[in-house]
């Protein structure tokens, strides 16, 4: 399996504010925009959390629920059948 794309995902509340910060302030280069997710050539992706998303609830309330998986592993491959 050859991994085509990988990224550390950083969640945000407002994609445009975050895009401005990473692109203009830090100078990161956009590789791809996929809806409310922006991938940067530097190996990170910013992902806007929609209202009601479980991570939004955990972040905003400070609840520490050990029964919830609060991280995401992302990778993309050219051909899923080869995996």
C-alpha atoms as a PDB file:
ATOM      1  CA  UNK A   1       0.000   0.000   0.000  1.00  0.00           C
ATOM      2  CA  UNK A   2       1.428   3.350  -1.019  1.00  0.00           C
ATOM      3  CA  UNK A   3       0.111   6.239   1.053  1.00  0.00           C
ATOM      4  CA  UNK A   4      -0.797   9.163  -1.180  1.00  0.00           C
ATOM      5  CA  UNK A   5      -1.595  11.808   1.444  1.00  0.00           C
ATOM      6  CA  UNK A   6      -1.273  12.052   5.214  1.00  0.00           C
ATOM      7  CA  UNK A   7      -1.829  14.920   7.602  1.00  0.00           C
ATOM      8  CA  UNK A   8      -2.123  15.948  11.210  1.00  0.00           C
ATOM      9  CA  UNK A   9      -5.652  17.293  11.532  1.00  0.00           C
ATOM     10  CA  UNK A  10      -6.248  20.466  13.517  1.00  0.00           C
ATOM     11  CA  UNK A  11      -9.889  21.205  14.285  1.00  0.00           C
ATOM     12  CA  UNK A  12     -11.227  24.763  14.214  1.00  0.00           C
ATOM     13  CA  UNK A  13     -14.473  26.653  14.688  1.00  0.00           C
ATOM     14  CA  UNK A  14     -14.057  29.007  11.724  1.00  0.00           C
ATOM     15  CA  UNK A  15     -12.260  27.753   8.617  1.00  0.00           C
ATOM     16  CA  UNK A  16     -11.733  31.232   7.111  1.00  0.00           C
ATOM     17  CA  UNK A  17     -10.050  32.631  10.217  1.00  0.00           C
ATOM     18  CA  UNK A  18      -7.864  29.534  10.474  1.00  0.00           C
ATOM     19  CA  UNK A  19      -7.076  29.620   6.747  1.00  0.00           C
ATOM     20  CA  UNK A  20      -5.949  33.230   7.064  1.00  0.00           C
ATOM     21  CA  UNK A  21      -3.704  32.367  10.014  1.00  0.00           C
ATOM     22  CA  UNK A  22      -2.008  29.327   8.466  1.00  0.00           C
ATOM     23  CA  UNK A  23      -1.775  30.752   4.945  1.00  0.00           C
ATOM     24  CA  UNK A  24      -1.002  34.430   5.515  1.00  0.00           C
ATOM     25  CA  UNK A  25       0.534  34.619   8.984  1.00  0.00           C
ATOM     26  CA  UNK A  26       2.542  31.360   8.947  1.00  0.00           C
ATOM     27  CA  UNK A  27       2.964  31.261   5.161  1.00  0.00           C
ATOM     28  CA  UNK A  28       1.789  27.653   4.694  1.00  0.00           C
ATOM     29  CA  UNK A  29       0.973  26.552   1.125  1.00  0.00           C
ATOM     30  CA  UNK A  30      -2.443  25.085   0.377  1.00  0.00           C
ATOM     31  CA  UNK A  31      -2.275  21.700  -1.311  1.00  0.00           C
ATOM     32  CA  UNK A  32      -5.996  20.982  -1.587  1.00  0.00           C
ATOM     33  CA  UNK A  33      -9.374  22.249  -0.375  1.00  0.00           C
ATOM     34  CA  UNK A  34     -12.050  19.632   0.195  1.00  0.00           C
ATOM     35  CA  UNK A  35     -15.217  21.241   1.536  1.00  0.00           C
ATOM     36  CA  UNK A  36     -14.541  22.372   5.096  1.00  0.00           C
ATOM     37  CA  UNK A  37     -11.076  20.762   5.139  1.00  0.00           C
ATOM     38  CA  UNK A  38      -7.897  22.469   3.912  1.00  0.00           C
ATOM     39  CA  UNK A  39      -4.738  20.415   3.401  1.00  0.00           C
ATOM     40  CA  UNK A  40      -1.366  22.149   3.544  1.00  0.00           C
ATOM     41  CA  UNK A  41       1.854  20.999   1.896  1.00  0.00           C
ATOM     42  CA  UNK A  42       3.515  21.326   5.310  1.00  0.00           C
ATOM     43  CA  UNK A  43       1.664  18.220   6.529  1.00  0.00           C
ATOM     44  CA  UNK A  44      -1.286  19.624   8.443  1.00  0.00           C
ATOM     45  CA  UNK A  45      -4.956  19.944   7.621  1.00  0.00           C
ATOM     46  CA  UNK A  46      -7.473  22.267   9.223  1.00  0.00           C
ATOM     47  CA  UNK A  47     -10.969  20.917   9.593  1.00  0.00           C
ATOM     48  CA  UNK A  48     -13.966  23.032  10.555  1.00  0.00           C
ATOM     49  CA  UNK A  49     -16.135  21.270  13.101  1.00  0.00           C
ATOM     50  CA  UNK A  50     -19.829  21.562  12.340  1.00  0.00           C
ATOM     51  CA  UNK A  51     -22.378  22.309  15.049  1.00  0.00           C
ATOM     52  CA  UNK A  52     -23.317  19.165  16.932  1.00  0.00           C
ATOM     53  CA  UNK A  53     -20.063  17.306  16.162  1.00  0.00           C
ATOM     54  CA  UNK A  54     -19.046  15.238  19.194  1.00  0.00           C
ATOM     55  CA  UNK A  55     -15.628  16.912  19.397  1.00  0.00           C
ATOM     56  CA  UNK A  56     -17.311  20.331  19.551  1.00  0.00           C
ATOM     57  CA  UNK A  57     -19.281  19.161  22.553  1.00  0.00           C
ATOM     58  CA  UNK A  58     -16.177  17.806  24.304  1.00  0.00           C
ATOM     59  CA  UNK A  59     -14.046  20.879  23.569  1.00  0.00           C
ATOM     60  CA  UNK A  60     -16.678  23.424  24.590  1.00  0.00           C
ATOM     61  CA  UNK A  61     -17.767  21.667  27.793  1.00  0.00           C
ATOM     62  CA  UNK A  62     -14.380  20.398  28.929  1.00  0.00           C
ATOM     63  CA  UNK A  63     -15.894  16.960  29.523  1.00  0.00           C
ATOM     64  CA  UNK A  64     -13.291  14.234  29.846  1.00  0.00           C
ATOM     65  CA  UNK A  65     -15.102  11.142  28.592  1.00  0.00           C
ATOM     66  CA  UNK A  66     -12.728   8.193  28.326  1.00  0.00           C
ATOM     67  CA  UNK A  67     -15.311   6.280  26.279  1.00  0.00           C
ATOM     68  CA  UNK A  68     -14.978   8.676  23.323  1.00  0.00           C
ATOM     69  CA  UNK A  69     -12.202   8.391  20.740  1.00  0.00           C
ATOM     70  CA  UNK A  70     -11.067  11.997  20.422  1.00  0.00           C
ATOM     71  CA  UNK A  71      -8.444  11.757  17.720  1.00  0.00           C
ATOM     72  CA  UNK A  72      -8.399  10.967  14.046  1.00  0.00           C
ATOM     73  CA  UNK A  73      -5.924   9.118  11.879  1.00  0.00           C
ATOM     74  CA  UNK A  74      -6.066  10.182   8.236  1.00  0.00           C
ATOM     75  CA  UNK A  75      -4.395   8.739   5.191  1.00  0.00           C
ATOM     76  CA  UNK A  76      -5.308   8.430   1.539  1.00  0.00           C
ATOM     77  CA  UNK A  77      -4.281   5.750  -0.917  1.00  0.00           C
ATOM     78  CA  UNK A  78      -4.398   5.617  -4.698  1.00  0.00           C
ATOM     79  CA  UNK A  79      -6.261   2.286  -4.920  1.00  0.00           C
ATOM     80  CA  UNK A  80      -8.183   0.933  -1.934  1.00  0.00           C
ATOM     81  CA  UNK A  81      -8.133  -2.599  -3.348  1.00  0.00           C
ATOM     82  CA  UNK A  82      -4.325  -2.671  -3.025  1.00  0.00           C
ATOM     83  CA  UNK A  83      -4.497  -2.096   0.732  1.00  0.00           C
END
